[in-house]
Amino acid sequence: SMMGLITTFIRLLPDEIRTKYALPRGLPALAERRPVMKILYALKGSAKDLDVTGADYYRLPAAALARDTVDHVTGEVRLGEIGGNHDEQRDSEEVGIEDINQNPSDNPQGAEGTISSSNVPKKSRKVKYVPGHSWMEISFPSAKDPSFESRHGKVTTCVVTIEADDDFVTPYDTKPALYACQKGKGETHSDYKWLMERVRQDLLDTYPQLKDKIMYSTMEGPLLRGLSHTPQRYAAKGVRPDSPYPGLFSGGSDLTVGESFSASIVGGWLAANAVVGYSAVDHLFLQKNITTDIARYIEVPDSPSEPDLAVDFDPDVPTAVDEKTKKEKLVESDNDPPELKKEE
């Protein structure tokens, strides 16, 4: 399964199967990452015209703000931790590794997954998207592809990723801690319109040159993200490709760091090695894994017969750039003197 540990073992497996084989060691002590919303934009103009690059922009709230306290009587400054949620950090310090990796058979609540508490939404301060402050990622996928303009013309794609606020997801105080996605909030809903307008303004504040360049926009989500990268997640022994379930292996970014495409590939690679039966000793000391096995039977050609291109290229098929060049040559020929045309 490449769908993540929580989706695989909590949302998909039937209760009777989960009760029979229990959960992977340490999974009940973990938490699910807050789902995200992706706002997609089509922009008028090429990446060069809009002065944007393939580099991603991240806004990390309070990532570099130290939580210092000042004694108003003595003036003494006590240095605090930098960034993060102080309450979550304090909770993580109170949980020991022994508690995280408790045997499910000794903890009936952990064996049955989410029965650690009633399915009632967690009572906490409502999380809302705050323009200019909340976590945000801005990327321009088309700017990463050199052939995009020749295939699609002067159009630029933009993806803004934000964390879904409590208008779109509901946190539950379960073990593991989960989020439920709210339904029925489409383009006509007030929460949808409110969020779209504020993200759009945030985008224009960050990239002022995109003003009056937005041709189309839509929002997708909430989208699940897998395990939260807390200290407990790295201490849990059950976060591994194999599982207590016969024949069930897990891959994906939950086994690595981050939620990127490359992390998912590495997670799938780890799962494939687990299926074959390779262990950490094979990887680290014997240099034996599925990659080295495949390399033994593949002959690398001395000179590649085909160019290494991101997309197929046929020189006989004219592109948008070829058509433009052809038109420019026609315009130039029309301006030539009659004597030059006769020579041609």
C-alpha atoms as a PDB file:
ATOM      1  CA  SER A   1       0.000   0.000   0.000  1.00  0.00           C
ATOM      2  CA  MET A   2       1.324   3.430  -1.014  1.00  0.00           C
ATOM      3  CA  MET A   3      -1.571   5.291   0.616  1.00  0.00           C
ATOM      4  CA  GLY A   4       0.101   5.917   3.973  1.00  0.00           C
ATOM      5  CA  LEU A   5       0.009   4.087   7.292  1.00  0.00           C
ATOM      6  CA  ILE A   6      -3.023   5.860   8.750  1.00  0.00           C
ATOM      7  CA  THR A   7      -5.156   5.514   5.599  1.00  0.00           C
ATOM      8  CA  THR A   8      -4.147   1.863   5.181  1.00  0.00           C
ATOM      9  CA  PHE A   9      -4.486   0.609   8.760  1.00  0.00           C
ATOM     10  CA  ILE A  10      -7.179   2.950  10.135  1.00  0.00           C
ATOM     11  CA  ARG A  11      -9.450   3.987   7.261  1.00  0.00           C
ATOM     12  CA  LEU A  12      -9.343   0.986   4.926  1.00  0.00           C
ATOM     13  CA  LEU A  13      -8.931  -2.163   7.024  1.00  0.00           C
ATOM     14  CA  PRO A  14     -12.144  -3.651   8.523  1.00  0.00           C
ATOM     15  CA  ASP A  15     -12.473  -3.558  12.304  1.00  0.00           C
ATOM     16  CA  GLU A  16     -12.383  -7.355  12.686  1.00  0.00           C
ATOM     17  CA  ILE A  17      -9.117  -7.621  10.732  1.00  0.00           C
ATOM     18  CA  ARG A  18      -7.574  -4.753  12.685  1.00  0.00           C
ATOM     19  CA  THR A  19      -8.581  -6.367  15.972  1.00  0.00           C
ATOM     20  CA  LYS A  20      -7.139  -9.730  14.911  1.00  0.00           C
ATOM     21  CA  TYR A  21      -3.686  -8.516  13.864  1.00  0.00           C
ATOM     22  CA  ALA A  22      -3.464  -5.238  15.872  1.00  0.00           C
ATOM     23  CA  LEU A  23      -1.869  -2.038  14.642  1.00  0.00           C
ATOM     24  CA  PRO A  24       1.819  -1.527  13.836  1.00  0.00           C
ATOM     25  CA  ARG A  25       3.827  -0.840  16.976  1.00  0.00           C
ATOM     26  CA  GLY A  26       3.607   2.823  18.002  1.00  0.00           C
ATOM     27  CA  LEU A  27       0.956   3.913  15.468  1.00  0.00           C
ATOM     28  CA  PRO A  28      -1.707   4.858  18.104  1.00  0.00           C
ATOM     29  CA  ALA A  29       0.742   7.358  19.651  1.00  0.00           C
ATOM     30  CA  LEU A  30       1.232   9.217  16.361  1.00  0.00           C
ATOM     31  CA  ALA A  31      -0.768  11.947  14.648  1.00  0.00           C
ATOM     32  CA  GLU A  32      -1.959  12.725  11.160  1.00  0.00           C
ATOM     33  CA  ARG A  33      -0.696  15.862   9.455  1.00  0.00           C
ATOM     34  CA  ARG A  34      -3.244  18.573   8.859  1.00  0.00           C
ATOM     35  CA  PRO A  35      -4.667  18.161   5.313  1.00  0.00           C
ATOM     36  CA  VAL A  36      -3.914  20.767   2.688  1.00  0.00           C
ATOM     37  CA  MET A  37      -5.826  22.774   0.102  1.00  0.00           C
ATOM     38  CA  LYS A  38      -4.355  23.386  -3.344  1.00  0.00           C
ATOM     39  CA  ILE A  39      -5.401  26.473  -5.284  1.00  0.00           C
ATOM     40  CA  LEU A  40      -4.618  26.189  -8.995  1.00  0.00           C
ATOM     41  CA  TYR A  41      -4.096  29.245 -11.215  1.00  0.00           C
ATOM     42  CA  ALA A  42      -3.684  29.752 -14.959  1.00  0.00           C
ATOM     43  CA  LEU A  43      -1.701  32.927 -15.634  1.00  0.00           C
ATOM     44  CA  LYS A  44      -1.504  34.965 -18.829  1.00  0.00           C
ATOM     45  CA  GLY A  45       2.051  35.149 -20.098  1.00  0.00           C
ATOM     46  CA  SER A  46       5.150  32.973 -20.101  1.00  0.00           C
ATOM     47  CA  ALA A  47       7.341  32.458 -17.043  1.00  0.00           C
ATOM     48  CA  LYS A  48       9.864  34.883 -18.542  1.00  0.00           C
ATOM     49  CA  ASP A  49       7.201  37.523 -19.178  1.00  0.00           C
ATOM     50  CA  LEU A  50       5.906  37.211 -15.604  1.00  0.00           C
ATOM     51  CA  ASP A  51       9.416  37.109 -14.100  1.00  0.00           C
ATOM     52  CA  VAL A  52       8.847  33.840 -12.193  1.00  0.00           C
ATOM     53  CA  THR A  53      11.149  30.836 -11.891  1.00  0.00           C
ATOM     54  CA  GLY A  54      10.889  27.159 -11.051  1.00  0.00           C
ATOM     55  CA  ALA A  55      11.990  27.816  -7.465  1.00  0.00           C
ATOM     56  CA  ASP A  56       9.297  27.222  -4.846  1.00  0.00           C
ATOM     57  CA  TYR A  57       8.388  29.905  -2.305  1.00  0.00           C
ATOM     58  CA  TYR A  58       7.691  28.872   1.303  1.00  0.00           C
ATOM     59  CA  ARG A  59       6.275  30.961   4.121  1.00  0.00           C
ATOM     60  CA  LEU A  60       6.986  29.440   7.514  1.00  0.00           C
ATOM     61  CA  PRO A  61       5.109  31.215  10.328  1.00  0.00           C
ATOM     62  CA  ALA A  62       7.185  31.853  13.447  1.00  0.00           C
ATOM     63  CA  ALA A  63       9.954  29.604  12.108  1.00  0.00           C
ATOM     64  CA  ALA A  64      12.635  32.000  13.326  1.00  0.00           C
ATOM     65  CA  LEU A  65      10.837  33.682  16.222  1.00  0.00           C
ATOM     66  CA  ALA A  66      12.221  32.676  19.590  1.00  0.00           C
ATOM     67  CA  ARG A  67       9.631  32.248  22.352  1.00  0.00           C
ATOM     68  CA  ASP A  68      11.496  34.360  24.897  1.00  0.00           C
ATOM     69  CA  THR A  69       9.971  35.614  28.141  1.00  0.00           C
ATOM     70  CA  VAL A  70      10.877  38.729  30.098  1.00  0.00           C
ATOM     71  CA  ASP A  71      10.600  39.110  33.857  1.00  0.00           C
ATOM     72  CA  HIS A  72       8.908  42.516  34.272  1.00  0.00           C
ATOM     73  CA  VAL A  73      10.376  42.942  37.773  1.00  0.00           C
ATOM     74  CA  THR A  74      14.042  42.093  37.199  1.00  0.00           C
ATOM     75  CA  GLY A  75      14.145  42.541  33.427  1.00  0.00           C
ATOM     76  CA  GLU A  76      15.737  39.106  33.054  1.00  0.00           C
ATOM     77  CA  VAL A  77      15.228  37.493  29.637  1.00  0.00           C
ATOM     78  CA  ARG A  78      14.674  33.749  29.552  1.00  0.00           C
ATOM     79  CA  LEU A  79      15.506  32.266  26.188  1.00  0.00           C
ATOM     80  CA  GLY A  80      12.763  30.032  24.806  1.00  0.00           C
ATOM     81  CA  GLU A  81      12.490  27.521  22.005  1.00  0.00           C
ATOM     82  CA  ILE A  82      12.482  28.734  18.407  1.00  0.00           C
ATOM     83  CA  GLY A  83       9.306  28.289  16.345  1.00  0.00           C
ATOM     84  CA  GLY A  84       6.725  25.527  16.489  1.00  0.00           C
ATOM     85  CA  ASN A  85       3.737  25.002  18.721  1.00  0.00           C
ATOM     86  CA  HIS A  86       4.843  25.175  22.340  1.00  0.00           C
ATOM     87  CA  ASP A  87       1.968  23.031  23.587  1.00  0.00           C
ATOM     88  CA  GLU A  88       2.696  20.286  21.050  1.00  0.00           C
ATOM     89  CA  GLN A  89       6.384  20.329  21.938  1.00  0.00           C
ATOM     90  CA  ARG A  90       5.563  20.038  25.630  1.00  0.00           C
ATOM     91  CA  ASP A  91       3.199  17.127  24.977  1.00  0.00           C
ATOM     92  CA  SER A  92       5.832  15.303  22.940  1.00  0.00           C
ATOM     93  CA  GLU A  93       8.369  15.628  25.756  1.00  0.00           C
ATOM     94  CA  GLU A  94       5.972  13.993  28.214  1.00  0.00           C
ATOM     95  CA  VAL A  95       5.603  10.839  26.095  1.00  0.00           C
ATOM     96  CA  GLY A  96       8.395   8.287  26.499  1.00  0.00           C
ATOM     97  CA  ILE A  97       9.621   5.842  23.880  1.00  0.00           C
ATOM     98  CA  GLU A  98       8.332   2.952  26.001  1.00  0.00           C
ATOM     99  CA  ASP A  99       4.839   4.442  25.909  1.00  0.00           C
ATOM    100  CA  ILE A 100       5.017   5.011  22.150  1.00  0.00           C
ATOM    101  CA  ASN A 101       6.050   1.433  21.378  1.00  0.00           C
ATOM    102  CA  GLN A 102       3.711  -0.215  23.867  1.00  0.00           C
ATOM    103  CA  ASN A 103       2.621  -3.667  22.728  1.00  0.00           C
ATOM    104  CA  PRO A 104      -0.956  -3.433  21.361  1.00  0.00           C
ATOM    105  CA  SER A 105      -1.848  -6.627  23.196  1.00  0.00           C
ATOM    106  CA  ASP A 106      -1.134  -4.836  26.483  1.00  0.00           C
ATOM    107  CA  ASN A 107      -3.221  -1.846  25.394  1.00  0.00           C
ATOM    108  CA  PRO A 108      -6.667  -2.753  24.042  1.00  0.00           C
ATOM    109  CA  GLN A 109      -7.231   0.835  22.973  1.00  0.00           C
ATOM    110  CA  GLY A 110      -4.174   0.755  20.727  1.00  0.00           C
ATOM    111  CA  ALA A 111      -5.182  -2.630  19.328  1.00  0.00           C
ATOM    112  CA  GLU A 112      -8.482  -1.315  18.110  1.00  0.00           C
ATOM    113  CA  GLY A 113      -7.087   1.831  16.562  1.00  0.00           C
ATOM    114  CA  THR A 114      -9.320   4.831  17.089  1.00  0.00           C
ATOM    115  CA  ILE A 115     -11.353   3.630  20.109  1.00  0.00           C
ATOM    116  CA  SER A 116      -9.079   5.452  22.528  1.00  0.00           C
ATOM    117  CA  SER A 117     -11.754   8.126  22.929  1.00  0.00           C
ATOM    118  CA  SER A 118     -15.229   8.831  21.639  1.00  0.00           C
ATOM    119  CA  ASN A 119     -15.545  10.101  18.090  1.00  0.00           C
ATOM    120  CA  VAL A 120     -16.183  13.664  19.196  1.00  0.00           C
ATOM    121  CA  PRO A 121     -14.398  16.604  17.550  1.00  0.00           C
ATOM    122  CA  LYS A 122     -11.427  17.868  19.504  1.00  0.00           C
ATOM    123  CA  LYS A 123     -12.191  20.984  21.519  1.00  0.00           C
ATOM    124  CA  SER A 124      -9.564  23.618  20.812  1.00  0.00           C
ATOM    125  CA  ARG A 125      -9.181  27.080  19.389  1.00  0.00           C
ATOM    126  CA  LYS A 126     -10.470  27.180  15.816  1.00  0.00           C
ATOM    127  CA  VAL A 127      -7.705  27.237  13.224  1.00  0.00           C
ATOM    128  CA  LYS A 128      -8.269  29.788  10.444  1.00  0.00           C
ATOM    129  CA  TYR A 129      -6.133  30.841   7.513  1.00  0.00           C
ATOM    130  CA  VAL A 130      -4.433  34.153   8.332  1.00  0.00           C
ATOM    131  CA  PRO A 131      -3.275  36.155   5.283  1.00  0.00           C
ATOM    132  CA  GLY A 132       0.365  37.157   5.521  1.00  0.00           C
ATOM    133  CA  HIS A 133       1.086  34.702   8.338  1.00  0.00           C
ATOM    134  CA  SER A 134      -0.179  31.127   7.787  1.00  0.00           C
ATOM    135  CA  TRP A 135       1.983  28.445   6.206  1.00  0.00           C
ATOM    136  CA  MET A 136       1.987  28.646   2.409  1.00  0.00           C
ATOM    137  CA  GLU A 137       3.858  27.202  -0.550  1.00  0.00           C
ATOM    138  CA  ILE A 138       3.819  28.797  -4.022  1.00  0.00           C
ATOM    139  CA  SER A 139       5.153  26.940  -7.038  1.00  0.00           C
ATOM    140  CA  PHE A 140       5.121  27.458 -10.801  1.00  0.00           C
ATOM    141  CA  PRO A 141       5.212  23.944 -12.325  1.00  0.00           C
ATOM    142  CA  SER A 142       5.276  25.176 -15.932  1.00  0.00           C
ATOM    143  CA  ALA A 143       8.423  27.196 -15.216  1.00  0.00           C
ATOM    144  CA  LYS A 144      10.226  23.935 -14.401  1.00  0.00           C
ATOM    145  CA  ASP A 145       9.576  22.553 -17.911  1.00  0.00           C
ATOM    146  CA  PRO A 146      11.713  24.145 -20.688  1.00  0.00           C
ATOM    147  CA  SER A 147       9.374  22.767 -23.379  1.00  0.00           C
ATOM    148  CA  PHE A 148       6.146  24.025 -21.817  1.00  0.00           C
ATOM    149  CA  GLU A 149       5.902  27.259 -23.791  1.00  0.00           C
ATOM    150  CA  SER A 150       6.519  25.553 -27.145  1.00  0.00           C
ATOM    151  CA  ARG A 151       3.717  23.084 -26.435  1.00  0.00           C
ATOM    152  CA  HIS A 152       1.146  25.293 -24.702  1.00  0.00           C
ATOM    153  CA  GLY A 153       1.987  28.856 -25.665  1.00  0.00           C
ATOM    154  CA  LYS A 154       2.334  31.827 -23.331  1.00  0.00           C
ATOM    155  CA  VAL A 155       0.521  30.388 -20.321  1.00  0.00           C
ATOM    156  CA  THR A 156       1.972  29.833 -16.853  1.00  0.00           C
ATOM    157  CA  THR A 157       0.606  27.476 -14.216  1.00  0.00           C
ATOM    158  CA  CYS A 158       0.730  28.272 -10.507  1.00  0.00           C
ATOM    159  CA  VAL A 159      -0.115  26.100  -7.486  1.00  0.00           C
ATOM    160  CA  VAL A 160      -0.602  27.590  -4.015  1.00  0.00           C
ATOM    161  CA  THR A 161      -0.668  25.053  -1.184  1.00  0.00           C
ATOM    162  CA  ILE A 162      -1.992  25.954   2.267  1.00  0.00           C
ATOM    163  CA  GLU A 163      -3.059  24.004   5.332  1.00  0.00           C
ATOM    164  CA  ALA A 164      -6.807  23.402   5.465  1.00  0.00           C
ATOM    165  CA  ASP A 165      -8.417  25.377   8.278  1.00  0.00           C
ATOM    166  CA  ASP A 166     -11.230  24.155  10.500  1.00  0.00           C
ATOM    167  CA  ASP A 167     -13.840  25.338   7.999  1.00  0.00           C
ATOM    168  CA  PHE A 168     -12.854  22.385   5.793  1.00  0.00           C
ATOM    169  CA  VAL A 169     -11.521  19.727   8.214  1.00  0.00           C
ATOM    170  CA  THR A 170     -12.450  18.581  11.713  1.00  0.00           C
ATOM    171  CA  PRO A 171      -9.717  17.372  14.127  1.00  0.00           C
ATOM    172  CA  TYR A 172     -10.586  14.397  16.345  1.00  0.00           C
ATOM    173  CA  ASP A 173      -9.004  13.585  19.702  1.00  0.00           C
ATOM    174  CA  THR A 174      -8.316   9.937  18.836  1.00  0.00           C
ATOM    175  CA  LYS A 175      -5.314   7.645  18.921  1.00  0.00           C
ATOM    176  CA  PRO A 176      -3.832   8.165  16.412  1.00  0.00           C
ATOM    177  CA  ALA A 177      -5.024  11.765  16.099  1.00  0.00           C
ATOM    178  CA  LEU A 178      -7.053  12.086  12.893  1.00  0.00           C
ATOM    179  CA  TYR A 179      -8.735  14.695  10.689  1.00  0.00           C
ATOM    180  CA  ALA A 180     -12.106  14.317   8.987  1.00  0.00           C
ATOM    181  CA  CYS A 181     -12.739  16.205   5.744  1.00  0.00           C
ATOM    182  CA  GLN A 182     -15.957  18.233   5.612  1.00  0.00           C
ATOM    183  CA  LYS A 183     -18.077  17.807   2.499  1.00  0.00           C
ATOM    184  CA  GLY A 184     -20.441  20.006   0.555  1.00  0.00           C
ATOM    185  CA  LYS A 185     -18.352  23.172   0.442  1.00  0.00           C
ATOM    186  CA  GLY A 186     -18.070  23.860  -3.273  1.00  0.00           C
ATOM    187  CA  GLU A 187     -17.526  27.005  -5.300  1.00  0.00           C
ATOM    188  CA  THR A 188     -20.778  28.599  -4.169  1.00  0.00           C
ATOM    189  CA  HIS A 189     -20.145  28.157  -0.431  1.00  0.00           C
ATOM    190  CA  SER A 190     -19.165  31.246   1.552  1.00  0.00           C
ATOM    191  CA  ASP A 191     -16.154  29.501   3.179  1.00  0.00           C
ATOM    192  CA  TYR A 192     -14.858  28.578  -0.286  1.00  0.00           C
ATOM    193  CA  LYS A 193     -15.176  32.139  -1.572  1.00  0.00           C
ATOM    194  CA  TRP A 194     -13.644  33.600   1.608  1.00  0.00           C
ATOM    195  CA  LEU A 195     -10.559  31.391   1.388  1.00  0.00           C
ATOM    196  CA  MET A 196     -10.098  31.829  -2.368  1.00  0.00           C
ATOM    197  CA  GLU A 197     -10.130  35.618  -2.076  1.00  0.00           C
ATOM    198  CA  ARG A 198      -7.593  35.713   0.761  1.00  0.00           C
ATOM    199  CA  VAL A 199      -5.202  33.276  -0.899  1.00  0.00           C
ATOM    200  CA  ARG A 200      -5.455  35.280  -4.126  1.00  0.00           C
ATOM    201  CA  GLN A 201      -4.560  38.474  -2.269  1.00  0.00           C
ATOM    202  CA  ASP A 202      -1.659  36.692  -0.552  1.00  0.00           C
ATOM    203  CA  LEU A 203      -0.378  35.534  -3.940  1.00  0.00           C
ATOM    204  CA  LEU A 204      -0.536  39.037  -5.390  1.00  0.00           C
ATOM    205  CA  ASP A 205       1.166  40.517  -2.327  1.00  0.00           C
ATOM    206  CA  THR A 206       4.027  38.051  -2.777  1.00  0.00           C
ATOM    207  CA  TYR A 207       4.208  38.384  -6.584  1.00  0.00           C
ATOM    208  CA  PRO A 208       2.811  41.852  -7.468  1.00  0.00           C
ATOM    209  CA  GLN A 209       3.635  41.328 -11.149  1.00  0.00           C
ATOM    210  CA  LEU A 210       0.800  38.780 -11.385  1.00  0.00           C
ATOM    211  CA  LYS A 211      -1.890  41.449 -10.985  1.00  0.00           C
ATOM    212  CA  ASP A 212      -4.479  41.256 -13.800  1.00  0.00           C
ATOM    213  CA  LYS A 213      -2.760  38.102 -15.114  1.00  0.00           C
ATOM    214  CA  ILE A 214      -5.036  35.474 -13.514  1.00  0.00           C
ATOM    215  CA  MET A 215      -7.180  33.847 -16.207  1.00  0.00           C
ATOM    216  CA  TYR A 216      -8.587  30.922 -14.224  1.00  0.00           C
ATOM    217  CA  SER A 217      -8.524  29.623 -10.653  1.00  0.00           C
ATOM    218  CA  THR A 218      -9.969  26.685  -8.741  1.00  0.00           C
ATOM    219  CA  MET A 219      -9.399  24.952  -5.410  1.00  0.00           C
ATOM    220  CA  GLU A 220      -8.877  21.244  -4.709  1.00  0.00           C
ATOM    221  CA  GLY A 221      -8.971  19.547  -1.327  1.00  0.00           C
ATOM    222  CA  PRO A 222      -8.792  18.834   1.489  1.00  0.00           C
ATOM    223  CA  LEU A 223      -5.995  16.389   0.591  1.00  0.00           C
ATOM    224  CA  LEU A 224      -4.551  13.975   3.174  1.00  0.00           C
ATOM    225  CA  ARG A 225      -0.813  14.146   3.883  1.00  0.00           C
ATOM    226  CA  GLY A 226       0.102  11.155   6.041  1.00  0.00           C
ATOM    227  CA  LEU A 227       1.962  11.122   9.341  1.00  0.00           C
ATOM    228  CA  SER A 228       3.014  14.266  11.166  1.00  0.00           C
ATOM    229  CA  HIS A 229       6.786  14.529  11.568  1.00  0.00           C
ATOM    230  CA  THR A 230       6.883  14.668  15.354  1.00  0.00           C
ATOM    231  CA  PRO A 231       9.564  13.088  17.594  1.00  0.00           C
ATOM    232  CA  GLN A 232       7.138  10.235  18.310  1.00  0.00           C
ATOM    233  CA  ARG A 233       6.966   9.395  14.614  1.00  0.00           C
ATOM    234  CA  TYR A 234      10.729   8.711  14.510  1.00  0.00           C
ATOM    235  CA  ALA A 235      10.615   6.666  17.714  1.00  0.00           C
ATOM    236  CA  ALA A 236       7.729   4.401  16.634  1.00  0.00           C
ATOM    237  CA  LYS A 237       9.039   0.946  15.709  1.00  0.00           C
ATOM    238  CA  GLY A 238       6.025   0.165  13.526  1.00  0.00           C
ATOM    239  CA  VAL A 239       6.854   2.828  10.925  1.00  0.00           C
ATOM    240  CA  ARG A 240       8.488   0.381   8.527  1.00  0.00           C
ATOM    241  CA  PRO A 241       7.639  -1.393   5.261  1.00  0.00           C
ATOM    242  CA  ASP A 242       6.570  -4.720   6.780  1.00  0.00           C
ATOM    243  CA  SER A 243       3.546  -5.038   9.060  1.00  0.00           C
ATOM    244  CA  PRO A 244       1.807  -7.512  11.397  1.00  0.00           C
ATOM    245  CA  TYR A 245      -0.566  -8.367   8.538  1.00  0.00           C
ATOM    246  CA  PRO A 246       0.501 -11.330   6.365  1.00  0.00           C
ATOM    247  CA  GLY A 247       1.454 -10.170   2.889  1.00  0.00           C
ATOM    248  CA  LEU A 248       0.760  -6.475   3.573  1.00  0.00           C
ATOM    249  CA  PHE A 249       3.614  -4.023   3.002  1.00  0.00           C
ATOM    250  CA  SER A 250       3.597  -0.239   3.160  1.00  0.00           C
ATOM    251  CA  GLY A 251       5.442   2.309   1.056  1.00  0.00           C
ATOM    252  CA  GLY A 252       5.112   6.013   0.409  1.00  0.00           C
ATOM    253  CA  SER A 253       6.490   9.107   2.073  1.00  0.00           C
ATOM    254  CA  ASP A 254       5.423   7.990   5.583  1.00  0.00           C
ATOM    255  CA  LEU A 255       8.558   5.839   5.666  1.00  0.00           C
ATOM    256  CA  THR A 256      10.878   8.723   4.786  1.00  0.00           C
ATOM    257  CA  VAL A 257      11.059  12.476   5.382  1.00  0.00           C
ATOM    258  CA  GLY A 258       8.645  14.877   3.743  1.00  0.00           C
ATOM    259  CA  GLU A 259       5.780  14.335   1.308  1.00  0.00           C
ATOM    260  CA  SER A 260       7.610  14.869  -1.962  1.00  0.00           C
ATOM    261  CA  PHE A 261       7.575  12.724  -5.077  1.00  0.00           C
ATOM    262  CA  SER A 262      11.136  11.599  -4.417  1.00  0.00           C
ATOM    263  CA  ALA A 263      10.210  10.588  -0.855  1.00  0.00           C
ATOM    264  CA  SER A 264       7.407   8.406  -2.217  1.00  0.00           C
ATOM    265  CA  ILE A 265       9.815   6.752  -4.643  1.00  0.00           C
ATOM    266  CA  VAL A 266      12.220   5.938  -1.807  1.00  0.00           C
ATOM    267  CA  GLY A 267       9.302   4.588   0.253  1.00  0.00           C
ATOM    268  CA  GLY A 268       8.287   2.334  -2.620  1.00  0.00           C
ATOM    269  CA  TRP A 269      11.894   1.185  -2.986  1.00  0.00           C
ATOM    270  CA  LEU A 270      12.001   0.258   0.716  1.00  0.00           C
ATOM    271  CA  ALA A 271       8.727  -1.659   0.386  1.00  0.00           C
ATOM    272  CA  ALA A 272      10.018  -3.574  -2.658  1.00  0.00           C
ATOM    273  CA  ASN A 273      13.156  -4.568  -0.735  1.00  0.00           C
ATOM    274  CA  ALA A 274      11.025  -5.708   2.196  1.00  0.00           C
ATOM    275  CA  VAL A 275       8.947  -7.914  -0.111  1.00  0.00           C
ATOM    276  CA  VAL A 276      12.136  -9.589  -1.375  1.00  0.00           C
ATOM    277  CA  GLY A 277      13.329 -10.017   2.207  1.00  0.00           C
ATOM    278  CA  TYR A 278      16.319  -7.674   2.302  1.00  0.00           C
ATOM    279  CA  SER A 279      17.125  -6.192   5.711  1.00  0.00           C
ATOM    280  CA  ALA A 280      19.163  -3.238   6.932  1.00  0.00           C
ATOM    281  CA  VAL A 281      22.216  -5.521   7.158  1.00  0.00           C
ATOM    282  CA  ASP A 282      21.870  -6.293   3.455  1.00  0.00           C
ATOM    283  CA  HIS A 283      21.580  -2.587   2.596  1.00  0.00           C
ATOM    284  CA  LEU A 284      24.359  -1.194   4.765  1.00  0.00           C
ATOM    285  CA  PHE A 285      26.994  -3.927   4.936  1.00  0.00           C
ATOM    286  CA  LEU A 286      26.458  -6.252   1.989  1.00  0.00           C
ATOM    287  CA  GLN A 287      25.379  -3.547  -0.494  1.00  0.00           C
ATOM    288  CA  LYS A 288      22.630  -5.905  -1.581  1.00  0.00           C
ATOM    289  CA  ASN A 289      19.239  -4.550  -2.656  1.00  0.00           C
ATOM    290  CA  ILE A 290      16.892  -4.667  -5.631  1.00  0.00           C
ATOM    291  CA  THR A 291      18.808  -1.870  -7.381  1.00  0.00           C
ATOM    292  CA  THR A 292      22.129  -3.731  -7.329  1.00  0.00           C
ATOM    293  CA  ASP A 293      20.325  -6.921  -8.354  1.00  0.00           C
ATOM    294  CA  ILE A 294      18.790  -5.241 -11.409  1.00  0.00           C
ATOM    295  CA  ALA A 295      22.070  -3.529 -12.320  1.00  0.00           C
ATOM    296  CA  ARG A 296      23.761  -6.917 -12.636  1.00  0.00           C
ATOM    297  CA  TYR A 297      21.563  -7.817 -15.592  1.00  0.00           C
ATOM    298  CA  ILE A 298      21.383  -4.455 -17.399  1.00  0.00           C
ATOM    299  CA  GLU A 299      23.932  -3.563 -20.044  1.00  0.00           C
ATOM    300  CA  VAL A 300      24.624   0.149 -20.287  1.00  0.00           C
ATOM    301  CA  PRO A 301      25.062   1.226 -23.943  1.00  0.00           C
ATOM    302  CA  ASP A 302      28.297   2.964 -24.853  1.00  0.00           C
ATOM    303  CA  SER A 303      26.523   5.760 -26.717  1.00  0.00           C
ATOM    304  CA  PRO A 304      22.791   6.324 -26.260  1.00  0.00           C
ATOM    305  CA  SER A 305      20.910   6.185 -29.534  1.00  0.00           C
ATOM    306  CA  GLU A 306      18.147   8.482 -28.332  1.00  0.00           C
ATOM    307  CA  PRO A 307      18.491  11.918 -26.746  1.00  0.00           C
ATOM    308  CA  ASP A 308      17.577  12.150 -23.077  1.00  0.00           C
ATOM    309  CA  LEU A 309      14.597  14.507 -23.302  1.00  0.00           C
ATOM    310  CA  ALA A 310      11.851  15.230 -20.809  1.00  0.00           C
ATOM    311  CA  VAL A 311       9.246  14.909 -23.593  1.00  0.00           C
ATOM    312  CA  ASP A 312       9.222  13.176 -26.974  1.00  0.00           C
ATOM    313  CA  PHE A 313      10.501  15.401 -29.754  1.00  0.00           C
ATOM    314  CA  ASP A 314       9.695  14.894 -33.417  1.00  0.00           C
ATOM    315  CA  PRO A 315      11.599  17.288 -35.712  1.00  0.00           C
ATOM    316  CA  ASP A 316       9.006  16.813 -38.463  1.00  0.00           C
ATOM    317  CA  VAL A 317       6.175  18.154 -36.295  1.00  0.00           C
ATOM    318  CA  PRO A 318       6.210  21.979 -36.177  1.00  0.00           C
ATOM    319  CA  THR A 319       5.966  23.583 -32.754  1.00  0.00           C
ATOM    320  CA  ALA A 320       4.552  26.952 -31.758  1.00  0.00           C
ATOM    321  CA  VAL A 321       8.075  28.427 -31.825  1.00  0.00           C
ATOM    322  CA  ASP A 322       8.652  27.088 -35.368  1.00  0.00           C
ATOM    323  CA  GLU A 323       5.416  28.643 -36.598  1.00  0.00           C
ATOM    324  CA  LYS A 324       6.346  31.980 -35.037  1.00  0.00           C
ATOM    325  CA  THR A 325       9.806  31.913 -36.664  1.00  0.00           C
ATOM    326  CA  LYS A 326       8.246  31.071 -40.026  1.00  0.00           C
ATOM    327  CA  LYS A 327       5.859  34.034 -39.793  1.00  0.00           C
ATOM    328  CA  GLU A 328       8.726  36.380 -38.850  1.00  0.00           C
ATOM    329  CA  LYS A 329      10.695  35.259 -41.915  1.00  0.00           C
ATOM    330  CA  LEU A 330       7.664  35.897 -44.125  1.00  0.00           C
ATOM    331  CA  VAL A 331       7.322  39.428 -42.733  1.00  0.00           C
ATOM    332  CA  GLU A 332      11.023  40.086 -43.336  1.00  0.00           C
ATOM    333  CA  SER A 333      10.797  38.804 -46.924  1.00  0.00           C
ATOM    334  CA  ASP A 334       7.890  41.157 -47.624  1.00  0.00           C
ATOM    335  CA  ASN A 335      10.114  44.089 -46.683  1.00  0.00           C
ATOM    336  CA  ASP A 336      12.946  43.044 -48.993  1.00  0.00           C
ATOM    337  CA  PRO A 337      13.661  45.204 -52.083  1.00  0.00           C
ATOM    338  CA  PRO A 338      12.463  43.886 -55.469  1.00  0.00           C
ATOM    339  CA  GLU A 339      16.045  43.234 -56.673  1.00  0.00           C
ATOM    340  CA  LEU A 340      16.658  40.808 -53.778  1.00  0.00           C
ATOM    341  CA  LYS A 341      13.419  38.980 -54.418  1.00  0.00           C
ATOM    342  CA  LYS A 342      14.367  38.454 -58.088  1.00  0.00           C
ATOM    343  CA  GLU A 343      17.665  36.911 -57.028  1.00  0.00           C
ATOM    344  CA  GLU A 344      15.804  34.441 -54.823  1.00  0.00           C
END
